[in-house]
């Protein structure tokens, strides 16, 4: 099980929010957003730390990463073994919440950048009817793969992207949205006037979305 930072808003949380950070960050990166989200029901936040590994585009420097990044082109080659390994770790994190009494339909997965790619990889393969998945400033790692129907097309998915993102161009966000629609999901798509980052008002919107989809 990946080491994680756990924060609870109540001694008896009714929902779980697993938040995957971006490349080179760690689980502490998004801990400060909790009050901005304004989550209405008792919640457990899980902020896992990605493994430390060499990253090709950063000269092989070792850092926390969910998978290796070979290149930064639009038609980038994907480290599929690395994504599959992180997806397996995410599955363990979800199961740990289930084991603690939170049903799958009360578990949200949020991912930023690399973490969002893992979240999107997971949502089209999961056998669990999750409460929702939020993909922030990211892309589907399956854009070059054959279209496959998802097991749970009713899982709510929200995609957020910055119109000024120099790291993950918004065109990848648009292609990801189209891809998920083809696979049977019904993702929402929202843009923000920002680079590769998040905005306070965006976090309020994310919290409202979670409140809307929390089944308590």
N, C-alpha and C. Protein backbone atom coordinates (compact mmCIF):
# COMPACT_ATOMS: atom_id res chain seq x y z
N UNK A 1 0.85 -1.19 0.00
CA UNK A 1 0.00 0.00 0.00
C UNK A 1 0.88 1.25 0.00
N UNK A 2 0.58 2.18 -0.89
CA UNK A 2 1.35 3.42 -0.94
C UNK A 2 1.18 4.22 0.35
N UNK A 3 2.27 4.83 0.79
CA UNK A 3 2.17 5.74 1.93
C UNK A 3 1.28 6.91 1.54
N UNK A 4 0.39 7.31 2.44
CA UNK A 4 -0.57 8.37 2.14
C UNK A 4 -0.74 9.29 3.32
N UNK A 5 -1.13 10.51 3.04
CA UNK A 5 -1.57 11.45 4.06
C UNK A 5 -3.09 11.32 4.17
N UNK A 6 -3.58 11.08 5.37
CA UNK A 6 -5.01 10.91 5.60
C UNK A 6 -5.53 12.10 6.40
N UNK A 7 -6.58 12.72 5.90
CA UNK A 7 -7.24 13.82 6.61
C UNK A 7 -8.73 13.53 6.65
N UNK A 8 -9.33 13.65 7.83
CA UNK A 8 -10.76 13.40 7.97
C UNK A 8 -11.45 14.64 8.52
N UNK A 9 -12.63 14.93 8.00
CA UNK A 9 -13.40 16.07 8.47
C UNK A 9 -14.35 15.67 9.59
N UNK A 10 -14.39 14.37 9.90
CA UNK A 10 -15.25 13.85 10.96
C UNK A 10 -14.69 12.52 11.42
N UNK A 11 -15.05 12.11 12.64
CA UNK A 11 -14.61 10.82 13.14
C UNK A 11 -15.32 9.67 12.42
N UNK A 12 -16.41 9.96 11.76
CA UNK A 12 -17.17 8.93 11.04
C UNK A 12 -17.39 9.38 9.60
N UNK A 13 -16.36 9.33 8.77
CA UNK A 13 -16.52 9.78 7.38
C UNK A 13 -17.49 8.92 6.60
N UNK A 14 -18.27 9.56 5.76
CA UNK A 14 -19.26 8.85 4.94
C UNK A 14 -18.83 8.73 3.49
N UNK A 15 -17.89 9.57 3.06
CA UNK A 15 -17.34 9.46 1.70
C UNK A 15 -15.81 9.49 1.79
N UNK A 16 -15.18 8.98 0.74
CA UNK A 16 -13.72 9.05 0.65
C UNK A 16 -13.34 9.74 -0.65
N UNK A 17 -12.31 10.58 -0.59
CA UNK A 17 -11.81 11.29 -1.75
C UNK A 17 -10.32 10.97 -1.87
N UNK A 18 -9.96 10.20 -2.89
CA UNK A 18 -8.56 9.84 -3.13
C UNK A 18 -8.02 10.81 -4.17
N UNK A 19 -6.97 11.57 -3.81
CA UNK A 19 -6.49 12.66 -4.66
C UNK A 19 -5.05 12.35 -5.07
N UNK A 20 -4.84 12.18 -6.38
CA UNK A 20 -3.53 11.83 -6.92
C UNK A 20 -2.81 13.09 -7.42
N UNK A 21 -1.62 13.32 -6.92
CA UNK A 21 -0.86 14.53 -7.26
C UNK A 21 -0.20 14.41 -8.63
N UNK A 22 0.48 15.48 -9.04
CA UNK A 22 1.17 15.51 -10.32
C UNK A 22 2.64 15.13 -10.21
N UNK A 23 3.31 15.15 -11.34
CA UNK A 23 4.71 14.77 -11.43
C UNK A 23 5.60 15.64 -10.54
N UNK A 24 6.46 14.99 -9.76
CA UNK A 24 7.43 15.70 -8.95
C UNK A 24 6.90 16.27 -7.65
N UNK A 25 5.59 16.18 -7.44
CA UNK A 25 4.99 16.64 -6.18
C UNK A 25 4.86 15.44 -5.25
N UNK A 26 4.08 15.58 -4.20
CA UNK A 26 3.78 14.43 -3.34
C UNK A 26 2.39 14.64 -2.76
N UNK A 27 1.99 13.75 -1.87
CA UNK A 27 0.63 13.80 -1.35
C UNK A 27 0.27 15.08 -0.65
N UNK A 28 1.28 15.79 -0.13
CA UNK A 28 0.99 17.03 0.61
C UNK A 28 0.56 18.17 -0.30
N UNK A 29 0.74 18.01 -1.60
CA UNK A 29 0.51 19.11 -2.55
C UNK A 29 -0.91 19.65 -2.49
N UNK A 30 -1.89 18.77 -2.32
CA UNK A 30 -3.28 19.21 -2.37
C UNK A 30 -3.97 19.21 -1.01
N UNK A 31 -3.25 18.90 0.05
CA UNK A 31 -3.86 18.96 1.39
C UNK A 31 -4.48 20.33 1.68
N UNK A 32 -3.83 21.44 1.30
CA UNK A 32 -4.39 22.77 1.62
C UNK A 32 -5.72 23.08 0.94
N UNK A 33 -6.13 22.29 -0.06
CA UNK A 33 -7.37 22.63 -0.76
C UNK A 33 -8.61 22.21 0.03
N UNK A 34 -8.46 21.40 1.06
CA UNK A 34 -9.62 20.84 1.76
C UNK A 34 -10.64 21.91 2.17
N UNK A 35 -10.24 22.98 2.85
CA UNK A 35 -11.26 23.97 3.25
C UNK A 35 -11.90 24.70 2.07
N UNK A 36 -11.18 24.86 0.97
CA UNK A 36 -11.74 25.54 -0.19
C UNK A 36 -12.83 24.72 -0.87
N UNK A 37 -12.78 23.42 -0.74
CA UNK A 37 -13.76 22.55 -1.38
C UNK A 37 -15.14 22.66 -0.76
N UNK A 38 -15.20 22.95 0.53
CA UNK A 38 -16.48 23.10 1.25
C UNK A 38 -17.35 21.83 1.12
N UNK A 39 -16.73 20.68 1.39
CA UNK A 39 -17.46 19.41 1.33
C UNK A 39 -18.47 19.37 2.47
N UNK A 40 -19.69 19.04 2.15
CA UNK A 40 -20.78 19.16 3.12
C UNK A 40 -20.92 17.94 4.03
N UNK A 41 -20.58 16.75 3.55
CA UNK A 41 -20.75 15.55 4.37
C UNK A 41 -19.40 15.12 4.96
N UNK A 42 -19.42 14.35 6.04
CA UNK A 42 -18.17 13.89 6.63
C UNK A 42 -17.33 13.14 5.61
N UNK A 43 -16.07 13.52 5.48
CA UNK A 43 -15.23 12.97 4.40
C UNK A 43 -13.87 12.54 4.92
N UNK A 44 -13.33 11.53 4.26
CA UNK A 44 -11.94 11.12 4.47
C UNK A 44 -11.18 11.43 3.17
N UNK A 45 -10.13 12.22 3.31
CA UNK A 45 -9.26 12.52 2.17
C UNK A 45 -8.03 11.62 2.25
N UNK A 46 -7.69 11.03 1.12
CA UNK A 46 -6.50 10.19 1.02
C UNK A 46 -5.59 10.81 -0.04
N UNK A 47 -4.41 11.24 0.39
CA UNK A 47 -3.45 11.86 -0.52
C UNK A 47 -2.20 10.97 -0.61
N UNK A 48 -2.18 10.01 -1.53
CA UNK A 48 -1.05 9.08 -1.61
C UNK A 48 0.19 9.73 -2.24
N UNK A 49 1.35 9.21 -1.87
CA UNK A 49 2.61 9.62 -2.47
C UNK A 49 2.95 8.64 -3.60
N UNK A 50 3.19 9.16 -4.80
CA UNK A 50 3.64 8.29 -5.89
C UNK A 50 5.02 7.74 -5.59
N UNK A 51 5.39 6.61 -6.18
CA UNK A 51 6.75 6.07 -5.98
C UNK A 51 7.80 7.02 -6.57
N UNK A 52 9.01 6.93 -6.04
CA UNK A 52 10.14 7.67 -6.60
C UNK A 52 10.77 6.83 -7.70
N UNK A 53 10.93 7.43 -8.89
CA UNK A 53 11.50 6.70 -10.02
C UNK A 53 12.13 7.68 -11.00
N UNK A 54 13.05 7.23 -11.85
CA UNK A 54 13.65 8.11 -12.85
C UNK A 54 12.60 8.54 -13.89
N UNK A 55 12.70 9.79 -14.32
CA UNK A 55 11.78 10.30 -15.33
C UNK A 55 12.59 10.77 -16.54
N UNK A 56 12.34 10.15 -17.68
CA UNK A 56 13.16 10.35 -18.87
C UNK A 56 13.23 11.80 -19.30
N UNK A 57 12.07 12.50 -19.37
CA UNK A 57 12.09 13.88 -19.87
C UNK A 57 12.80 14.84 -18.93
N UNK A 58 13.03 14.42 -17.72
CA UNK A 58 13.78 15.25 -16.77
C UNK A 58 15.21 14.75 -16.62
N UNK A 59 15.75 14.20 -17.70
CA UNK A 59 17.13 13.76 -17.70
C UNK A 59 17.40 12.54 -16.85
N UNK A 60 16.37 11.77 -16.60
CA UNK A 60 16.53 10.58 -15.77
C UNK A 60 16.56 10.85 -14.29
N UNK A 61 16.29 12.10 -13.89
CA UNK A 61 16.28 12.44 -12.46
C UNK A 61 15.17 11.67 -11.75
N UNK A 62 15.48 11.15 -10.59
CA UNK A 62 14.49 10.41 -9.80
C UNK A 62 13.60 11.37 -9.05
N UNK A 63 12.30 11.15 -9.12
CA UNK A 63 11.31 11.99 -8.43
C UNK A 63 10.03 11.19 -8.28
N UNK A 64 9.11 11.73 -7.53
CA UNK A 64 7.84 11.03 -7.39
C UNK A 64 7.07 11.12 -8.71
N UNK A 65 6.69 9.98 -9.22
CA UNK A 65 6.00 9.92 -10.51
C UNK A 65 5.11 8.69 -10.54
N UNK A 66 3.95 8.83 -11.16
CA UNK A 66 3.03 7.70 -11.29
C UNK A 66 3.46 6.78 -12.44
N UNK A 67 4.25 7.33 -13.36
CA UNK A 67 4.79 6.55 -14.47
C UNK A 67 5.86 7.40 -15.14
N UNK A 68 6.68 6.78 -15.98
CA UNK A 68 7.73 7.52 -16.68
C UNK A 68 7.12 8.33 -17.82
N UNK A 69 7.74 9.44 -18.13
CA UNK A 69 7.34 10.25 -19.29
C UNK A 69 8.51 10.26 -20.26
N UNK A 70 8.29 9.65 -21.42
CA UNK A 70 9.37 9.52 -22.39
C UNK A 70 9.55 10.77 -23.23
N UNK A 71 8.44 11.47 -23.52
CA UNK A 71 8.50 12.64 -24.40
C UNK A 71 7.30 13.53 -24.12
N UNK A 72 7.37 14.78 -24.58
CA UNK A 72 6.30 15.75 -24.31
C UNK A 72 5.57 16.16 -25.59
N UNK A 73 5.52 15.29 -26.57
CA UNK A 73 4.81 15.59 -27.80
C UNK A 73 3.32 15.27 -27.65
N UNK A 74 2.51 15.79 -28.57
CA UNK A 74 1.08 15.50 -28.52
C UNK A 74 0.82 14.01 -28.72
N UNK A 75 1.56 13.38 -29.61
CA UNK A 75 1.39 11.95 -29.87
C UNK A 75 2.44 11.17 -29.06
N UNK A 76 2.46 11.43 -27.79
CA UNK A 76 3.52 10.90 -26.94
C UNK A 76 3.43 9.39 -26.73
N UNK A 77 4.59 8.76 -26.66
CA UNK A 77 4.65 7.35 -26.30
C UNK A 77 4.37 7.21 -24.81
N UNK A 78 3.54 6.25 -24.45
CA UNK A 78 3.06 6.11 -23.07
C UNK A 78 3.76 4.94 -22.36
N UNK A 79 4.16 5.17 -21.12
CA UNK A 79 4.71 4.13 -20.26
C UNK A 79 3.56 3.29 -19.71
N UNK A 80 3.11 2.33 -20.51
CA UNK A 80 1.92 1.57 -20.13
C UNK A 80 2.15 0.68 -18.91
N UNK A 81 3.34 0.14 -18.78
CA UNK A 81 3.62 -0.69 -17.60
C UNK A 81 3.55 0.16 -16.34
N UNK A 82 4.08 1.36 -16.41
CA UNK A 82 4.06 2.25 -15.26
C UNK A 82 2.65 2.66 -14.88
N UNK A 83 1.83 2.98 -15.87
CA UNK A 83 0.44 3.36 -15.60
C UNK A 83 -0.33 2.17 -15.02
N UNK A 84 -0.10 0.98 -15.57
CA UNK A 84 -0.77 -0.21 -15.04
C UNK A 84 -0.39 -0.46 -13.59
N UNK A 85 0.89 -0.24 -13.26
CA UNK A 85 1.33 -0.44 -11.88
C UNK A 85 0.67 0.56 -10.94
N UNK A 86 0.56 1.82 -11.38
CA UNK A 86 -0.08 2.82 -10.53
C UNK A 86 -1.58 2.57 -10.42
N UNK A 87 -2.19 2.07 -11.50
CA UNK A 87 -3.60 1.71 -11.46
C UNK A 87 -3.83 0.61 -10.43
N UNK A 88 -2.90 -0.35 -10.35
CA UNK A 88 -3.02 -1.42 -9.36
C UNK A 88 -2.93 -0.85 -7.94
N UNK A 89 -2.06 0.14 -7.75
CA UNK A 89 -1.95 0.78 -6.43
C UNK A 89 -3.22 1.56 -6.10
N UNK A 90 -3.80 2.22 -7.10
CA UNK A 90 -5.06 2.94 -6.88
C UNK A 90 -6.17 1.96 -6.50
N UNK A 91 -6.20 0.82 -7.14
CA UNK A 91 -7.19 -0.20 -6.80
C UNK A 91 -7.05 -0.63 -5.34
N UNK A 92 -5.82 -0.77 -4.87
CA UNK A 92 -5.59 -1.12 -3.46
C UNK A 92 -6.11 -0.02 -2.53
N UNK A 93 -5.86 1.23 -2.91
CA UNK A 93 -6.33 2.35 -2.08
C UNK A 93 -7.85 2.37 -2.00
N UNK A 94 -8.50 2.11 -3.12
CA UNK A 94 -9.97 2.05 -3.14
C UNK A 94 -10.46 0.90 -2.27
N UNK A 95 -9.83 -0.25 -2.40
CA UNK A 95 -10.25 -1.41 -1.61
C UNK A 95 -10.05 -1.16 -0.12
N UNK A 96 -9.02 -0.42 0.24
CA UNK A 96 -8.80 -0.10 1.65
C UNK A 96 -9.95 0.72 2.21
N UNK A 97 -10.50 1.62 1.39
CA UNK A 97 -11.66 2.40 1.84
C UNK A 97 -12.90 1.52 1.97
N UNK A 98 -13.06 0.61 1.02
CA UNK A 98 -14.18 -0.33 1.10
C UNK A 98 -14.07 -1.18 2.36
N UNK A 99 -12.86 -1.64 2.66
CA UNK A 99 -12.63 -2.45 3.85
C UNK A 99 -12.95 -1.69 5.13
N UNK A 100 -12.87 -0.36 5.06
CA UNK A 100 -13.18 0.47 6.23
C UNK A 100 -14.64 0.91 6.26
N UNK A 101 -15.45 0.37 5.36
CA UNK A 101 -16.88 0.58 5.44
C UNK A 101 -17.46 1.62 4.51
N UNK A 102 -16.64 2.19 3.62
CA UNK A 102 -17.16 3.17 2.66
C UNK A 102 -17.39 2.44 1.34
N UNK A 103 -18.63 2.40 0.90
CA UNK A 103 -18.98 1.65 -0.30
C UNK A 103 -18.42 2.35 -1.55
N UNK A 104 -18.20 1.58 -2.64
CA UNK A 104 -17.61 2.18 -3.84
C UNK A 104 -18.35 3.41 -4.35
N UNK A 105 -19.69 3.42 -4.23
CA UNK A 105 -20.45 4.55 -4.75
C UNK A 105 -20.35 5.78 -3.86
N UNK A 106 -19.47 5.71 -2.84
CA UNK A 106 -19.17 6.88 -2.02
C UNK A 106 -17.67 7.21 -2.07
N UNK A 107 -16.99 6.67 -3.06
CA UNK A 107 -15.55 6.90 -3.20
C UNK A 107 -15.29 7.70 -4.48
N UNK A 108 -14.64 8.84 -4.32
CA UNK A 108 -14.26 9.70 -5.45
C UNK A 108 -12.76 9.56 -5.70
N UNK A 109 -12.38 9.67 -6.97
CA UNK A 109 -10.97 9.74 -7.34
C UNK A 109 -10.74 11.04 -8.08
N UNK A 110 -9.80 11.83 -7.59
CA UNK A 110 -9.42 13.09 -8.23
C UNK A 110 -7.95 12.99 -8.61
N UNK A 111 -7.59 13.44 -9.79
CA UNK A 111 -6.20 13.38 -10.20
C UNK A 111 -5.79 14.62 -10.96
N UNK A 112 -4.61 15.14 -10.65
CA UNK A 112 -4.05 16.29 -11.36
C UNK A 112 -2.90 15.83 -12.24
N UNK A 113 -2.91 16.23 -13.51
CA UNK A 113 -1.83 15.95 -14.45
C UNK A 113 -1.55 14.44 -14.52
N UNK A 114 -0.37 14.00 -14.14
CA UNK A 114 -0.08 12.55 -14.15
C UNK A 114 -1.11 11.77 -13.34
N UNK A 115 -1.46 12.29 -12.19
CA UNK A 115 -2.45 11.62 -11.36
C UNK A 115 -3.80 11.51 -12.05
N UNK A 116 -4.14 12.53 -12.84
CA UNK A 116 -5.38 12.49 -13.60
C UNK A 116 -5.36 11.44 -14.69
N UNK A 117 -4.20 11.25 -15.32
CA UNK A 117 -4.08 10.20 -16.34
C UNK A 117 -4.33 8.83 -15.73
N UNK A 118 -3.81 8.61 -14.53
CA UNK A 118 -4.05 7.33 -13.84
C UNK A 118 -5.53 7.18 -13.50
N UNK A 119 -6.15 8.27 -13.05
CA UNK A 119 -7.58 8.23 -12.72
C UNK A 119 -8.41 7.89 -13.96
N UNK A 120 -8.06 8.48 -15.11
CA UNK A 120 -8.81 8.20 -16.34
C UNK A 120 -8.57 6.78 -16.83
N UNK A 121 -7.34 6.30 -16.67
CA UNK A 121 -7.03 4.91 -17.01
C UNK A 121 -7.90 3.97 -16.16
N UNK A 122 -8.09 4.34 -14.90
CA UNK A 122 -8.83 3.49 -13.97
C UNK A 122 -10.33 3.49 -14.27
N UNK A 123 -10.90 4.64 -14.56
CA UNK A 123 -12.36 4.73 -14.67
C UNK A 123 -12.90 3.92 -15.85
N UNK A 124 -12.11 3.72 -16.89
CA UNK A 124 -12.61 2.94 -18.02
C UNK A 124 -12.38 1.44 -17.83
N UNK A 125 -11.75 1.06 -16.73
CA UNK A 125 -11.46 -0.35 -16.48
C UNK A 125 -12.04 -0.87 -15.18
N UNK A 126 -12.44 0.01 -14.29
CA UNK A 126 -12.85 -0.43 -12.96
C UNK A 126 -14.10 -1.30 -13.00
N UNK A 127 -14.15 -2.24 -12.07
CA UNK A 127 -15.35 -3.05 -11.88
C UNK A 127 -16.19 -2.53 -10.73
N UNK A 128 -15.76 -1.40 -10.14
CA UNK A 128 -16.46 -0.80 -9.01
C UNK A 128 -17.27 0.43 -9.48
N UNK A 129 -18.52 0.55 -9.05
CA UNK A 129 -19.34 1.71 -9.43
C UNK A 129 -18.99 2.94 -8.57
N UNK A 130 -17.89 3.58 -8.89
CA UNK A 130 -17.40 4.70 -8.07
C UNK A 130 -18.37 5.86 -8.06
N UNK A 131 -18.20 6.73 -7.04
CA UNK A 131 -19.05 7.92 -6.92
C UNK A 131 -18.74 8.94 -8.00
N UNK A 132 -17.47 9.00 -8.43
CA UNK A 132 -17.11 9.96 -9.46
C UNK A 132 -15.62 10.07 -9.62
N UNK A 133 -15.21 10.56 -10.79
CA UNK A 133 -13.80 10.79 -11.10
C UNK A 133 -13.65 12.20 -11.65
N UNK A 134 -12.65 12.92 -11.14
CA UNK A 134 -12.37 14.28 -11.61
C UNK A 134 -10.95 14.30 -12.15
N UNK A 135 -10.80 14.71 -13.41
CA UNK A 135 -9.51 14.73 -14.09
C UNK A 135 -9.10 16.18 -14.34
N UNK A 136 -8.00 16.59 -13.74
CA UNK A 136 -7.58 17.99 -13.78
C UNK A 136 -6.31 18.15 -14.62
N UNK A 137 -6.37 18.99 -15.65
CA UNK A 137 -5.20 19.34 -16.45
C UNK A 137 -4.45 18.09 -16.91
N UNK A 138 -5.16 17.19 -17.56
CA UNK A 138 -4.57 15.89 -17.88
C UNK A 138 -5.09 15.37 -19.21
N UNK A 139 -4.85 14.10 -19.47
CA UNK A 139 -5.24 13.49 -20.73
C UNK A 139 -5.44 12.00 -20.51
N UNK A 140 -6.20 11.37 -21.40
CA UNK A 140 -6.35 9.92 -21.35
C UNK A 140 -5.09 9.28 -21.92
N UNK A 141 -4.50 8.32 -21.20
CA UNK A 141 -3.34 7.61 -21.74
C UNK A 141 -3.71 6.57 -22.78
N UNK A 142 -5.01 6.49 -23.10
CA UNK A 142 -5.49 5.46 -24.04
C UNK A 142 -5.89 6.03 -25.39
N UNK A 143 -5.47 7.26 -25.71
CA UNK A 143 -5.93 7.89 -26.93
C UNK A 143 -5.54 7.12 -28.19
N UNK A 144 -4.45 6.37 -28.12
CA UNK A 144 -4.01 5.62 -29.30
C UNK A 144 -4.42 4.15 -29.25
N UNK A 145 -5.27 3.80 -28.29
CA UNK A 145 -5.69 2.41 -28.13
C UNK A 145 -7.07 2.17 -28.73
N UNK A 146 -7.41 0.92 -29.05
CA UNK A 146 -8.74 0.62 -29.58
C UNK A 146 -9.83 1.03 -28.59
N UNK A 147 -10.96 1.46 -29.13
CA UNK A 147 -12.08 1.85 -28.29
C UNK A 147 -12.66 0.62 -27.60
N UNK A 148 -12.87 0.70 -26.31
CA UNK A 148 -13.47 -0.40 -25.55
C UNK A 148 -14.56 0.16 -24.64
N UNK A 149 -15.69 -0.50 -24.60
CA UNK A 149 -16.79 -0.05 -23.74
C UNK A 149 -16.41 -0.20 -22.28
N UNK A 150 -16.92 0.67 -21.43
CA UNK A 150 -16.61 0.64 -20.01
C UNK A 150 -17.61 -0.23 -19.26
N UNK A 151 -17.20 -0.70 -18.08
CA UNK A 151 -18.08 -1.56 -17.27
C UNK A 151 -19.17 -0.76 -16.57
N UNK A 152 -18.83 0.48 -16.19
CA UNK A 152 -19.79 1.30 -15.44
C UNK A 152 -19.92 2.68 -16.09
N UNK A 153 -20.69 2.77 -17.19
CA UNK A 153 -20.85 4.05 -17.89
C UNK A 153 -21.57 5.11 -17.08
N UNK A 154 -22.19 4.71 -15.97
CA UNK A 154 -22.92 5.69 -15.16
C UNK A 154 -22.02 6.45 -14.18
N UNK A 155 -20.73 6.07 -14.09
CA UNK A 155 -19.82 6.80 -13.19
C UNK A 155 -19.69 8.25 -13.66
N UNK A 156 -20.00 9.22 -12.82
CA UNK A 156 -19.84 10.62 -13.23
C UNK A 156 -18.36 10.96 -13.41
N UNK A 157 -18.05 11.69 -14.47
CA UNK A 157 -16.68 12.12 -14.74
C UNK A 157 -16.70 13.60 -15.07
N UNK A 158 -15.80 14.35 -14.46
CA UNK A 158 -15.64 15.78 -14.76
C UNK A 158 -14.20 16.03 -15.21
N UNK A 159 -14.06 16.74 -16.32
CA UNK A 159 -12.74 17.09 -16.84
C UNK A 159 -12.57 18.60 -16.75
N UNK A 160 -11.46 19.04 -16.15
CA UNK A 160 -11.13 20.47 -16.07
C UNK A 160 -9.79 20.70 -16.77
N UNK A 161 -9.71 21.78 -17.54
CA UNK A 161 -8.45 22.04 -18.24
C UNK A 161 -8.22 23.54 -18.35
N UNK A 162 -6.96 23.92 -18.29
CA UNK A 162 -6.59 25.31 -18.46
C UNK A 162 -6.42 25.67 -19.92
N UNK A 163 -6.96 26.80 -20.34
CA UNK A 163 -6.84 27.21 -21.73
C UNK A 163 -5.44 27.70 -22.08
N UNK A 164 -4.62 27.94 -21.05
CA UNK A 164 -3.25 28.43 -21.27
C UNK A 164 -2.21 27.40 -20.82
N UNK A 165 -2.60 26.13 -20.81
CA UNK A 165 -1.72 25.08 -20.29
C UNK A 165 -0.58 24.78 -21.27
N UNK A 166 0.69 25.05 -20.89
CA UNK A 166 1.81 24.76 -21.78
C UNK A 166 2.36 23.35 -21.60
N UNK A 167 1.92 22.65 -20.57
CA UNK A 167 2.44 21.31 -20.25
C UNK A 167 1.57 20.23 -20.89
N UNK A 168 0.28 20.32 -20.66
CA UNK A 168 -0.69 19.41 -21.29
C UNK A 168 -1.64 20.29 -22.10
N UNK A 169 -1.41 20.47 -23.39
CA UNK A 169 -2.24 21.37 -24.20
C UNK A 169 -3.72 21.02 -24.10
N UNK A 170 -4.55 22.06 -24.17
CA UNK A 170 -5.98 21.83 -24.03
C UNK A 170 -6.52 20.91 -25.12
N UNK A 171 -5.86 20.85 -26.26
CA UNK A 171 -6.32 19.94 -27.32
C UNK A 171 -6.34 18.50 -26.83
N UNK A 172 -5.43 18.14 -25.93
CA UNK A 172 -5.44 16.79 -25.36
C UNK A 172 -6.64 16.60 -24.44
N UNK A 173 -7.02 17.65 -23.73
CA UNK A 173 -8.22 17.58 -22.90
C UNK A 173 -9.46 17.39 -23.75
N UNK A 174 -9.53 18.08 -24.88
CA UNK A 174 -10.68 17.94 -25.77
C UNK A 174 -10.74 16.54 -26.38
N UNK A 175 -9.58 16.02 -26.78
CA UNK A 175 -9.53 14.67 -27.34
C UNK A 175 -9.92 13.63 -26.29
N UNK A 176 -9.51 13.88 -25.05
CA UNK A 176 -9.86 12.97 -23.96
C UNK A 176 -11.36 12.96 -23.73
N UNK A 177 -11.98 14.14 -23.75
CA UNK A 177 -13.43 14.24 -23.59
C UNK A 177 -14.15 13.44 -24.68
N UNK A 178 -13.71 13.61 -25.92
CA UNK A 178 -14.33 12.88 -27.03
C UNK A 178 -14.14 11.38 -26.88
N UNK A 179 -12.97 10.99 -26.44
CA UNK A 179 -12.66 9.58 -26.27
C UNK A 179 -13.58 8.93 -25.23
N UNK A 180 -13.76 9.58 -24.10
CA UNK A 180 -14.60 9.01 -23.05
C UNK A 180 -16.06 8.91 -23.50
N UNK A 181 -16.50 9.89 -24.29
CA UNK A 181 -17.85 9.81 -24.84
C UNK A 181 -18.00 8.58 -25.74
N UNK A 182 -16.98 8.31 -26.54
CA UNK A 182 -17.00 7.14 -27.42
C UNK A 182 -17.05 5.85 -26.62
N UNK A 183 -16.48 5.87 -25.43
CA UNK A 183 -16.44 4.67 -24.61
C UNK A 183 -17.71 4.47 -23.78
N UNK A 184 -18.63 5.42 -23.84
CA UNK A 184 -19.90 5.25 -23.17
C UNK A 184 -20.10 6.07 -21.92
N UNK A 185 -19.05 6.77 -21.48
CA UNK A 185 -19.19 7.66 -20.33
C UNK A 185 -19.83 8.98 -20.77
N UNK A 186 -20.23 9.79 -19.79
CA UNK A 186 -20.83 11.09 -20.09
C UNK A 186 -20.08 12.19 -19.33
N UNK A 187 -18.83 12.42 -19.68
CA UNK A 187 -18.02 13.39 -18.94
C UNK A 187 -18.43 14.83 -19.22
N UNK A 188 -18.38 15.65 -18.19
CA UNK A 188 -18.51 17.09 -18.39
C UNK A 188 -17.13 17.63 -18.72
N UNK A 189 -17.09 18.81 -19.38
CA UNK A 189 -15.81 19.40 -19.78
C UNK A 189 -15.87 20.89 -19.47
N UNK A 190 -14.90 21.34 -18.70
CA UNK A 190 -14.88 22.75 -18.27
C UNK A 190 -13.48 23.31 -18.41
N UNK A 191 -13.36 24.50 -18.97
CA UNK A 191 -12.06 25.14 -19.11
C UNK A 191 -11.96 26.32 -18.15
N UNK A 192 -10.71 26.65 -17.83
CA UNK A 192 -10.42 27.74 -16.92
C UNK A 192 -9.26 28.57 -17.50
N UNK A 193 -9.28 29.89 -17.29
CA UNK A 193 -8.21 30.75 -17.82
C UNK A 193 -6.95 30.64 -16.97
N UNK A 194 -6.22 29.55 -17.15
CA UNK A 194 -5.06 29.29 -16.30
C UNK A 194 -4.04 28.44 -17.06
N UNK A 195 -2.79 28.39 -16.57
CA UNK A 195 -1.81 27.46 -17.12
C UNK A 195 -1.99 26.07 -16.49
N UNK A 196 -0.89 25.37 -16.22
CA UNK A 196 -0.96 24.02 -15.66
C UNK A 196 -1.06 24.14 -14.14
N UNK A 197 -2.27 24.38 -13.66
CA UNK A 197 -2.45 24.70 -12.24
C UNK A 197 -3.91 24.53 -11.87
N UNK A 198 -4.28 24.97 -10.68
CA UNK A 198 -5.67 25.03 -10.26
C UNK A 198 -5.94 26.42 -9.71
N UNK A 199 -7.21 26.82 -9.74
CA UNK A 199 -7.63 28.13 -9.25
C UNK A 199 -8.55 27.96 -8.03
N UNK A 200 -8.55 28.93 -7.11
CA UNK A 200 -9.44 28.84 -5.94
C UNK A 200 -10.90 28.67 -6.34
N UNK A 201 -11.36 29.45 -7.32
CA UNK A 201 -12.76 29.34 -7.73
C UNK A 201 -13.04 27.99 -8.39
N UNK A 202 -12.03 27.40 -9.01
CA UNK A 202 -12.17 26.07 -9.58
C UNK A 202 -12.36 25.04 -8.48
N UNK A 203 -11.63 25.19 -7.40
CA UNK A 203 -11.75 24.25 -6.29
C UNK A 203 -13.13 24.31 -5.65
N UNK A 204 -13.71 25.50 -5.58
CA UNK A 204 -15.08 25.63 -5.08
C UNK A 204 -16.04 24.86 -5.98
N UNK A 205 -15.81 24.96 -7.30
CA UNK A 205 -16.65 24.24 -8.26
C UNK A 205 -16.48 22.73 -8.11
N UNK A 206 -15.25 22.29 -7.89
CA UNK A 206 -14.99 20.86 -7.69
C UNK A 206 -15.72 20.36 -6.44
N UNK A 207 -15.65 21.15 -5.37
CA UNK A 207 -16.35 20.77 -4.14
C UNK A 207 -17.85 20.67 -4.35
N UNK A 208 -18.41 21.61 -5.10
CA UNK A 208 -19.85 21.58 -5.37
C UNK A 208 -20.22 20.33 -6.18
N UNK A 209 -19.34 19.95 -7.11
CA UNK A 209 -19.59 18.74 -7.92
C UNK A 209 -19.57 17.50 -7.03
N UNK A 210 -18.62 17.43 -6.12
CA UNK A 210 -18.55 16.30 -5.20
C UNK A 210 -19.79 16.27 -4.31
N UNK A 211 -20.19 17.42 -3.80
CA UNK A 211 -21.41 17.48 -2.97
C UNK A 211 -22.63 16.99 -3.74
N UNK A 212 -22.69 17.35 -5.02
CA UNK A 212 -23.82 16.96 -5.85
C UNK A 212 -23.89 15.45 -6.04
N UNK A 213 -22.72 14.81 -6.16
CA UNK A 213 -22.68 13.39 -6.48
C UNK A 213 -22.46 12.48 -5.27
N UNK A 214 -22.29 13.07 -4.09
CA UNK A 214 -22.11 12.27 -2.88
C UNK A 214 -23.41 11.60 -2.49
N UNK A 215 -23.42 10.30 -2.40
CA UNK A 215 -24.63 9.54 -2.08
C UNK A 215 -24.63 9.20 -0.59
N UNK A 216 -25.15 10.12 0.19
CA UNK A 216 -25.19 9.92 1.64
C UNK A 216 -26.60 10.10 2.16
